[in-house]
Amino acid sequence: MDSTYYNTVKQLENSGIDSEYIQGWVGGYLGNPEREEQRQTEPYRVGYKDGKEKNTDHSSKHRVP
């Protein structure tokens, strides 16, 4: 793993981002296959897409109150 991966996950966790988004981001960033469709949530799908694109552009929309 590179420092970008660790720093981004730490930043997302410290910012109170939904764990489903983070799990999706990790999977997308690492190039893992997506979860089965019935187990995907909206935050997971958005995180997966952002992870594949190596950014966190939509993370703020998935902050846990």
N, C-alpha and C. Protein backbone atom coordinates (compact mmCIF):
# COMPACT_ATOMS: atom_id res chain seq x y z
N MET A 1 0.83 -1.18 0.00
CA MET A 1 0.00 0.00 0.00
C MET A 1 0.88 1.25 0.00
N ASP A 2 0.38 2.28 -0.62
CA ASP A 2 1.13 3.53 -0.63
C ASP A 2 0.57 4.48 0.43
N SER A 3 1.29 5.54 0.67
CA SER A 3 0.88 6.48 1.72
C SER A 3 -0.43 7.18 1.38
N THR A 4 -0.74 7.34 0.10
CA THR A 4 -2.00 7.97 -0.30
C THR A 4 -3.18 7.15 0.23
N TYR A 5 -3.09 5.84 0.11
CA TYR A 5 -4.16 4.96 0.59
C TYR A 5 -4.37 5.17 2.09
N TYR A 6 -3.31 5.04 2.86
CA TYR A 6 -3.43 5.16 4.32
C TYR A 6 -3.88 6.55 4.74
N ASN A 7 -3.31 7.58 4.14
CA ASN A 7 -3.67 8.94 4.51
C ASN A 7 -5.12 9.26 4.17
N THR A 8 -5.59 8.76 3.03
CA THR A 8 -6.97 9.02 2.63
C THR A 8 -7.95 8.32 3.54
N VAL A 9 -7.70 7.05 3.86
CA VAL A 9 -8.60 6.31 4.75
C VAL A 9 -8.64 6.98 6.12
N LYS A 10 -7.49 7.38 6.62
CA LYS A 10 -7.43 8.05 7.92
C LYS A 10 -8.22 9.36 7.88
N GLN A 11 -8.05 10.13 6.82
CA GLN A 11 -8.77 11.40 6.68
C GLN A 11 -10.28 11.17 6.60
N LEU A 12 -10.71 10.16 5.87
CA LEU A 12 -12.14 9.86 5.75
C LEU A 12 -12.71 9.44 7.11
N GLU A 13 -11.99 8.61 7.83
CA GLU A 13 -12.45 8.16 9.15
C GLU A 13 -12.53 9.33 10.12
N ASN A 14 -11.52 10.18 10.12
CA ASN A 14 -11.50 11.32 11.03
C ASN A 14 -12.53 12.39 10.68
N SER A 15 -12.99 12.39 9.44
CA SER A 15 -13.99 13.35 8.99
C SER A 15 -15.42 12.88 9.24
N GLY A 16 -15.56 11.67 9.77
CA GLY A 16 -16.90 11.15 10.07
C GLY A 16 -17.67 10.69 8.85
N ILE A 17 -16.97 10.19 7.86
CA ILE A 17 -17.61 9.70 6.63
C ILE A 17 -18.18 8.30 6.88
N ASP A 18 -19.34 8.04 6.31
CA ASP A 18 -20.04 6.76 6.43
C ASP A 18 -19.08 5.60 6.12
N SER A 19 -19.12 4.59 6.96
CA SER A 19 -18.23 3.43 6.78
C SER A 19 -18.50 2.70 5.47
N GLU A 20 -19.72 2.75 4.98
CA GLU A 20 -20.03 2.11 3.69
C GLU A 20 -19.30 2.82 2.55
N TYR A 21 -19.25 4.15 2.62
CA TYR A 21 -18.49 4.90 1.61
C TYR A 21 -17.02 4.50 1.67
N ILE A 22 -16.47 4.44 2.89
CA ILE A 22 -15.06 4.10 3.06
C ILE A 22 -14.77 2.70 2.52
N GLN A 23 -15.64 1.74 2.84
CA GLN A 23 -15.43 0.38 2.33
C GLN A 23 -15.49 0.34 0.81
N GLY A 24 -16.41 1.10 0.23
CA GLY A 24 -16.48 1.18 -1.22
C GLY A 24 -15.24 1.83 -1.80
N TRP A 25 -14.78 2.92 -1.17
CA TRP A 25 -13.59 3.62 -1.65
C TRP A 25 -12.38 2.68 -1.64
N VAL A 26 -12.20 1.95 -0.54
CA VAL A 26 -11.08 1.02 -0.43
C VAL A 26 -11.15 -0.03 -1.54
N GLY A 27 -12.31 -0.61 -1.75
CA GLY A 27 -12.46 -1.62 -2.79
C GLY A 27 -12.15 -1.08 -4.18
N GLY A 28 -12.65 0.11 -4.47
CA GLY A 28 -12.39 0.72 -5.77
C GLY A 28 -10.93 1.09 -5.94
N TYR A 29 -10.33 1.65 -4.91
CA TYR A 29 -8.92 2.07 -4.97
C TYR A 29 -8.01 0.87 -5.21
N LEU A 30 -8.31 -0.24 -4.54
CA LEU A 30 -7.47 -1.43 -4.67
C LEU A 30 -7.81 -2.27 -5.90
N GLY A 31 -8.90 -1.93 -6.60
CA GLY A 31 -9.28 -2.68 -7.78
C GLY A 31 -9.97 -4.00 -7.47
N ASN A 32 -10.55 -4.09 -6.28
CA ASN A 32 -11.29 -5.30 -5.91
C ASN A 32 -12.61 -5.35 -6.67
N PRO A 33 -13.17 -6.54 -6.86
CA PRO A 33 -14.49 -6.63 -7.50
C PRO A 33 -15.55 -6.00 -6.58
N GLU A 34 -16.59 -5.46 -7.18
CA GLU A 34 -17.67 -4.87 -6.39
C GLU A 34 -18.42 -5.96 -5.62
N ARG A 35 -19.09 -5.54 -4.55
CA ARG A 35 -19.95 -6.45 -3.80
C ARG A 35 -21.09 -6.90 -4.71
N GLU A 36 -21.78 -7.96 -4.25
CA GLU A 36 -22.97 -8.39 -4.97
C GLU A 36 -23.98 -7.24 -4.93
N GLU A 37 -24.77 -7.13 -5.97
CA GLU A 37 -25.69 -5.99 -6.12
C GLU A 37 -26.62 -5.81 -4.91
N GLN A 38 -27.14 -6.89 -4.36
CA GLN A 38 -28.09 -6.78 -3.25
C GLN A 38 -27.43 -6.28 -1.96
N ARG A 39 -26.10 -6.32 -1.88
CA ARG A 39 -25.37 -5.86 -0.69
C ARG A 39 -24.80 -4.46 -0.86
N GLN A 40 -25.01 -3.85 -2.01
CA GLN A 40 -24.48 -2.51 -2.25
C GLN A 40 -25.45 -1.46 -1.74
N THR A 41 -24.90 -0.45 -1.10
CA THR A 41 -25.68 0.71 -0.67
C THR A 41 -25.25 1.90 -1.52
N GLU A 42 -26.02 2.97 -1.47
CA GLU A 42 -25.66 4.17 -2.23
C GLU A 42 -24.28 4.70 -1.83
N PRO A 43 -23.99 4.84 -0.51
CA PRO A 43 -22.65 5.30 -0.14
C PRO A 43 -21.55 4.36 -0.64
N TYR A 44 -21.79 3.06 -0.60
CA TYR A 44 -20.80 2.10 -1.09
C TYR A 44 -20.53 2.33 -2.57
N ARG A 45 -21.58 2.45 -3.38
CA ARG A 45 -21.42 2.62 -4.83
C ARG A 45 -20.65 3.90 -5.15
N VAL A 46 -21.00 4.99 -4.46
CA VAL A 46 -20.31 6.27 -4.70
C VAL A 46 -18.85 6.16 -4.27
N GLY A 47 -18.60 5.55 -3.11
CA GLY A 47 -17.23 5.36 -2.65
C GLY A 47 -16.42 4.51 -3.59
N TYR A 48 -17.02 3.45 -4.11
CA TYR A 48 -16.32 2.57 -5.04
C TYR A 48 -15.91 3.34 -6.29
N LYS A 49 -16.82 4.14 -6.81
CA LYS A 49 -16.53 4.93 -8.01
C LYS A 49 -15.41 5.93 -7.72
N ASP A 50 -15.50 6.63 -6.59
CA ASP A 50 -14.45 7.59 -6.23
C ASP A 50 -13.11 6.88 -6.05
N GLY A 51 -13.11 5.72 -5.42
CA GLY A 51 -11.88 4.97 -5.22
C GLY A 51 -11.23 4.57 -6.53
N LYS A 52 -12.04 4.13 -7.48
CA LYS A 52 -11.51 3.76 -8.80
C LYS A 52 -10.87 4.96 -9.48
N GLU A 53 -11.44 6.14 -9.23
CA GLU A 53 -10.93 7.37 -9.84
C GLU A 53 -9.85 8.02 -8.98
N LYS A 54 -9.51 7.38 -7.85
CA LYS A 54 -8.45 7.86 -6.94
C LYS A 54 -8.73 9.26 -6.41
N ASN A 55 -10.02 9.53 -6.06
CA ASN A 55 -10.36 10.81 -5.46
C ASN A 55 -11.42 10.61 -4.38
N THR A 56 -11.76 11.67 -3.68
CA THR A 56 -12.81 11.62 -2.65
C THR A 56 -13.83 12.73 -2.90
N ASP A 57 -14.09 13.03 -4.15
CA ASP A 57 -14.93 14.17 -4.53
C ASP A 57 -16.32 14.15 -3.90
N HIS A 58 -16.89 12.99 -3.70
CA HIS A 58 -18.27 12.90 -3.22
C HIS A 58 -18.38 12.47 -1.75
N SER A 59 -17.26 12.40 -1.06
CA SER A 59 -17.28 11.91 0.32
C SER A 59 -18.08 12.80 1.26
N SER A 60 -18.03 14.11 1.07
CA SER A 60 -18.72 15.02 1.99
C SER A 60 -20.23 14.82 2.00
N LYS A 61 -20.77 14.24 0.94
CA LYS A 61 -22.21 13.97 0.88
C LYS A 61 -22.58 12.76 1.74
N HIS A 62 -21.60 12.05 2.26
CA HIS A 62 -21.85 10.83 3.03
C HIS A 62 -21.26 10.93 4.44
N ARG A 63 -21.30 12.13 4.97
CA ARG A 63 -20.86 12.35 6.35
C ARG A 63 -21.96 11.89 7.31
N VAL A 64 -21.56 11.17 8.35
CA VAL A 64 -22.53 10.70 9.35
C VAL A 64 -22.77 11.84 10.33
N PRO A 65 -24.03 12.17 10.59
CA PRO A 65 -24.32 13.30 11.51
C PRO A 65 -23.87 13.03 12.93
